[in-house]
């Protein structure tokens, strides 16, 4: 049986070790790039459904959580934080807009955002990872 032995160059071994140590940074950059696209699009969609009387507090409350490792997966959440001037949680207001309430029709801004951004986010995250790999491997 034929046998082949391939030895990696020192540069390649060094690049692989750098890749292993920079994996957290690469994952965070990719996730943040994707989350930023979703948050920006959601902000635009939310502004489009709000009435002229809206204070803008709900839009300001929209944000991205810090990126963390949860259950072996890197995650970031996009959502609402805080309360309006009447003491109502922004999450409750957003949910009432998204799902509707008695006397209030659905105005789905989150579902629309996800369908609009899914492919773009995947492409941007892949591009960030590819760029970082090119930077590491030279």
C-alpha atoms as a PDB file:
ATOM      1  CA  UNK A   1       0.000   0.000   0.000  1.00  0.00           C
ATOM      2  CA  UNK A   2       1.271   3.464  -0.871  1.00  0.00           C
ATOM      3  CA  UNK A   3       2.104   5.844   1.909  1.00  0.00           C
ATOM      4  CA  UNK A   4       2.490   9.594   1.727  1.00  0.00           C
ATOM      5  CA  UNK A   5       3.724  11.899   4.413  1.00  0.00           C
ATOM      6  CA  UNK A   6       2.967  15.574   4.204  1.00  0.00           C
ATOM      7  CA  UNK A   7       4.712  17.962   6.521  1.00  0.00           C
ATOM      8  CA  UNK A   8       3.315  21.396   7.104  1.00  0.00           C
ATOM      9  CA  UNK A   9       5.523  24.405   6.850  1.00  0.00           C
ATOM     10  CA  UNK A  10       6.288  26.374   9.970  1.00  0.00           C
ATOM     11  CA  UNK A  11       4.252  29.304   8.588  1.00  0.00           C
ATOM     12  CA  UNK A  12       1.176  27.103   8.151  1.00  0.00           C
ATOM     13  CA  UNK A  13       1.494  25.649  11.650  1.00  0.00           C
ATOM     14  CA  UNK A  14       1.868  29.174  13.055  1.00  0.00           C
ATOM     15  CA  UNK A  15      -1.212  30.345  11.130  1.00  0.00           C
ATOM     16  CA  UNK A  16      -3.255  27.410  12.429  1.00  0.00           C
ATOM     17  CA  UNK A  17      -2.233  28.144  16.006  1.00  0.00           C
ATOM     18  CA  UNK A  18      -3.144  31.837  15.529  1.00  0.00           C
ATOM     19  CA  UNK A  19      -6.492  30.751  14.110  1.00  0.00           C
ATOM     20  CA  UNK A  20      -7.164  28.640  17.189  1.00  0.00           C
ATOM     21  CA  UNK A  21      -6.323  31.490  19.552  1.00  0.00           C
ATOM     22  CA  UNK A  22      -8.268  34.118  17.560  1.00  0.00           C
ATOM     23  CA  UNK A  23     -11.439  32.043  17.113  1.00  0.00           C
ATOM     24  CA  UNK A  24     -13.315  33.970  19.826  1.00  0.00           C
ATOM     25  CA  UNK A  25     -12.468  37.305  18.244  1.00  0.00           C
ATOM     26  CA  UNK A  26     -13.426  36.067  14.773  1.00  0.00           C
ATOM     27  CA  UNK A  27     -16.757  34.671  16.005  1.00  0.00           C
ATOM     28  CA  UNK A  28     -17.596  37.891  17.831  1.00  0.00           C
ATOM     29  CA  UNK A  29     -16.777  40.046  14.801  1.00  0.00           C
ATOM     30  CA  UNK A  30     -18.930  37.900  12.523  1.00  0.00           C
ATOM     31  CA  UNK A  31     -21.877  37.772  14.915  1.00  0.00           C
ATOM     32  CA  UNK A  32     -21.740  41.497  15.598  1.00  0.00           C
ATOM     33  CA  UNK A  33     -21.665  42.270  11.862  1.00  0.00           C
ATOM     34  CA  UNK A  34     -24.766  40.119  11.341  1.00  0.00           C
ATOM     35  CA  UNK A  35     -26.571  41.445  14.404  1.00  0.00           C
ATOM     36  CA  UNK A  36     -25.904  45.029  13.342  1.00  0.00           C
ATOM     37  CA  UNK A  37     -27.615  44.424   9.993  1.00  0.00           C
ATOM     38  CA  UNK A  38     -30.645  42.886  11.700  1.00  0.00           C
ATOM     39  CA  UNK A  39     -30.874  45.667  14.311  1.00  0.00           C
ATOM     40  CA  UNK A  40     -30.562  48.439  11.715  1.00  0.00           C
ATOM     41  CA  UNK A  41     -33.217  46.873   9.485  1.00  0.00           C
ATOM     42  CA  UNK A  42     -35.501  46.252  12.454  1.00  0.00           C
ATOM     43  CA  UNK A  43     -35.124  49.880  13.502  1.00  0.00           C
ATOM     44  CA  UNK A  44     -36.181  51.040  10.015  1.00  0.00           C
ATOM     45  CA  UNK A  45     -39.143  48.620   9.941  1.00  0.00           C
ATOM     46  CA  UNK A  46     -40.220  49.680  13.428  1.00  0.00           C
ATOM     47  CA  UNK A  47     -40.108  53.368  12.552  1.00  0.00           C
ATOM     48  CA  UNK A  48     -42.242  52.620   9.483  1.00  0.00           C
ATOM     49  CA  UNK A  49     -45.114  51.117  11.516  1.00  0.00           C
ATOM     50  CA  UNK A  50     -45.157  53.619  14.380  1.00  0.00           C
ATOM     51  CA  UNK A  51     -47.638  56.469  14.304  1.00  0.00           C
ATOM     52  CA  UNK A  52     -46.673  60.127  14.100  1.00  0.00           C
ATOM     53  CA  UNK A  53     -47.579  60.519  17.781  1.00  0.00           C
ATOM     54  CA  UNK A  54     -44.947  57.979  18.862  1.00  0.00           C
ATOM     55  CA  UNK A  55     -42.272  59.354  21.171  1.00  0.00           C
ATOM     56  CA  UNK A  56     -39.426  57.344  19.660  1.00  0.00           C
ATOM     57  CA  UNK A  57     -38.589  55.709  22.974  1.00  0.00           C
ATOM     58  CA  UNK A  58     -39.304  52.232  21.611  1.00  0.00           C
ATOM     59  CA  UNK A  59     -36.869  52.721  18.739  1.00  0.00           C
ATOM     60  CA  UNK A  60     -34.219  54.028  21.142  1.00  0.00           C
ATOM     61  CA  UNK A  61     -34.726  50.986  23.412  1.00  0.00           C
ATOM     62  CA  UNK A  62     -33.807  48.566  20.604  1.00  0.00           C
ATOM     63  CA  UNK A  63     -30.316  47.159  21.025  1.00  0.00           C
ATOM     64  CA  UNK A  64     -27.905  44.253  20.798  1.00  0.00           C
ATOM     65  CA  UNK A  65     -26.826  42.281  23.852  1.00  0.00           C
ATOM     66  CA  UNK A  66     -23.147  41.586  24.456  1.00  0.00           C
ATOM     67  CA  UNK A  67     -21.976  38.542  22.495  1.00  0.00           C
ATOM     68  CA  UNK A  68     -21.517  35.503  24.718  1.00  0.00           C
ATOM     69  CA  UNK A  69     -20.957  31.771  24.601  1.00  0.00           C
ATOM     70  CA  UNK A  70     -24.130  29.967  25.670  1.00  0.00           C
ATOM     71  CA  UNK A  71     -24.475  26.197  25.489  1.00  0.00           C
ATOM     72  CA  UNK A  72     -21.525  25.886  23.129  1.00  0.00           C
ATOM     73  CA  UNK A  73     -22.893  28.480  20.691  1.00  0.00           C
ATOM     74  CA  UNK A  74     -21.935  32.119  20.262  1.00  0.00           C
ATOM     75  CA  UNK A  75     -25.036  34.273  20.568  1.00  0.00           C
ATOM     76  CA  UNK A  76     -26.235  37.853  20.567  1.00  0.00           C
ATOM     77  CA  UNK A  77     -29.819  38.902  21.111  1.00  0.00           C
ATOM     78  CA  UNK A  78     -31.563  41.856  19.548  1.00  0.00           C
ATOM     79  CA  UNK A  79     -34.375  43.262  21.609  1.00  0.00           C
ATOM     80  CA  UNK A  80     -35.800  45.981  23.779  1.00  0.00           C
ATOM     81  CA  UNK A  81     -34.592  47.073  27.189  1.00  0.00           C
ATOM     82  CA  UNK A  82     -36.243  49.311  29.734  1.00  0.00           C
ATOM     83  CA  UNK A  83     -39.590  50.932  30.376  1.00  0.00           C
ATOM     84  CA  UNK A  84     -41.481  53.836  28.844  1.00  0.00           C
ATOM     85  CA  UNK A  85     -42.518  56.942  30.804  1.00  0.00           C
ATOM     86  CA  UNK A  86     -45.731  55.175  31.918  1.00  0.00           C
ATOM     87  CA  UNK A  87     -43.767  52.224  33.358  1.00  0.00           C
ATOM     88  CA  UNK A  88     -44.711  49.744  30.611  1.00  0.00           C
ATOM     89  CA  UNK A  89     -41.905  47.412  29.498  1.00  0.00           C
ATOM     90  CA  UNK A  90     -40.711  48.040  25.953  1.00  0.00           C
ATOM     91  CA  UNK A  91     -40.712  44.270  25.366  1.00  0.00           C
ATOM     92  CA  UNK A  92     -44.440  44.206  26.105  1.00  0.00           C
ATOM     93  CA  UNK A  93     -45.110  47.092  23.719  1.00  0.00           C
ATOM     94  CA  UNK A  94     -43.049  45.448  20.972  1.00  0.00           C
ATOM     95  CA  UNK A  95     -44.827  42.141  21.472  1.00  0.00           C
ATOM     96  CA  UNK A  96     -48.235  43.853  21.285  1.00  0.00           C
ATOM     97  CA  UNK A  97     -47.178  45.482  18.011  1.00  0.00           C
ATOM     98  CA  UNK A  98     -45.803  42.234  16.576  1.00  0.00           C
ATOM     99  CA  UNK A  99     -48.593  39.892  17.656  1.00  0.00           C
ATOM    100  CA  UNK A 100     -51.491  42.274  18.002  1.00  0.00           C
ATOM    101  CA  UNK A 101     -53.739  42.744  20.995  1.00  0.00           C
ATOM    102  CA  UNK A 102     -57.438  43.135  21.587  1.00  0.00           C
ATOM    103  CA  UNK A 103     -58.420  46.091  19.457  1.00  0.00           C
ATOM    104  CA  UNK A 104     -54.951  46.369  17.935  1.00  0.00           C
ATOM    105  CA  UNK A 105     -54.067  44.637  14.655  1.00  0.00           C
ATOM    106  CA  UNK A 106     -50.730  42.898  14.035  1.00  0.00           C
ATOM    107  CA  UNK A 107     -47.911  45.062  12.707  1.00  0.00           C
ATOM    108  CA  UNK A 108     -45.179  42.496  12.200  1.00  0.00           C
ATOM    109  CA  UNK A 109     -41.867  44.343  12.085  1.00  0.00           C
ATOM    110  CA  UNK A 110     -39.670  41.586  13.583  1.00  0.00           C
ATOM    111  CA  UNK A 111     -40.878  38.778  11.315  1.00  0.00           C
ATOM    112  CA  UNK A 112     -40.504  41.071   8.306  1.00  0.00           C
ATOM    113  CA  UNK A 113     -36.975  41.978   9.400  1.00  0.00           C
ATOM    114  CA  UNK A 114     -35.897  38.351   9.701  1.00  0.00           C
ATOM    115  CA  UNK A 115     -37.186  37.453   6.248  1.00  0.00           C
ATOM    116  CA  UNK A 116     -35.537  40.552   4.755  1.00  0.00           C
ATOM    117  CA  UNK A 117     -32.121  40.051   6.326  1.00  0.00           C
ATOM    118  CA  UNK A 118     -31.516  36.293   6.608  1.00  0.00           C
ATOM    119  CA  UNK A 119     -29.503  35.805   3.401  1.00  0.00           C
ATOM    120  CA  UNK A 120     -27.685  39.133   3.726  1.00  0.00           C
ATOM    121  CA  UNK A 121     -26.632  38.329   7.297  1.00  0.00           C
ATOM    122  CA  UNK A 122     -25.331  34.892   6.288  1.00  0.00           C
ATOM    123  CA  UNK A 123     -23.324  36.453   3.457  1.00  0.00           C
ATOM    124  CA  UNK A 124     -21.862  39.214   5.646  1.00  0.00           C
ATOM    125  CA  UNK A 125     -20.924  36.818   8.432  1.00  0.00           C
ATOM    126  CA  UNK A 126     -19.243  34.475   5.938  1.00  0.00           C
ATOM    127  CA  UNK A 127     -17.378  37.427   4.428  1.00  0.00           C
ATOM    128  CA  UNK A 128     -16.116  38.560   7.848  1.00  0.00           C
ATOM    129  CA  UNK A 129     -14.892  35.045   8.625  1.00  0.00           C
ATOM    130  CA  UNK A 130     -13.238  34.731   5.200  1.00  0.00           C
ATOM    131  CA  UNK A 131     -11.526  38.114   5.614  1.00  0.00           C
ATOM    132  CA  UNK A 132     -10.207  37.149   9.038  1.00  0.00           C
ATOM    133  CA  UNK A 133      -8.918  33.806   7.726  1.00  0.00           C
ATOM    134  CA  UNK A 134      -7.155  35.593   4.871  1.00  0.00           C
ATOM    135  CA  UNK A 135      -5.608  37.993   7.376  1.00  0.00           C
ATOM    136  CA  UNK A 136      -4.371  35.096   9.516  1.00  0.00           C
ATOM    137  CA  UNK A 137      -3.171  32.862   6.675  1.00  0.00           C
ATOM    138  CA  UNK A 138      -1.749  35.740   4.693  1.00  0.00           C
END
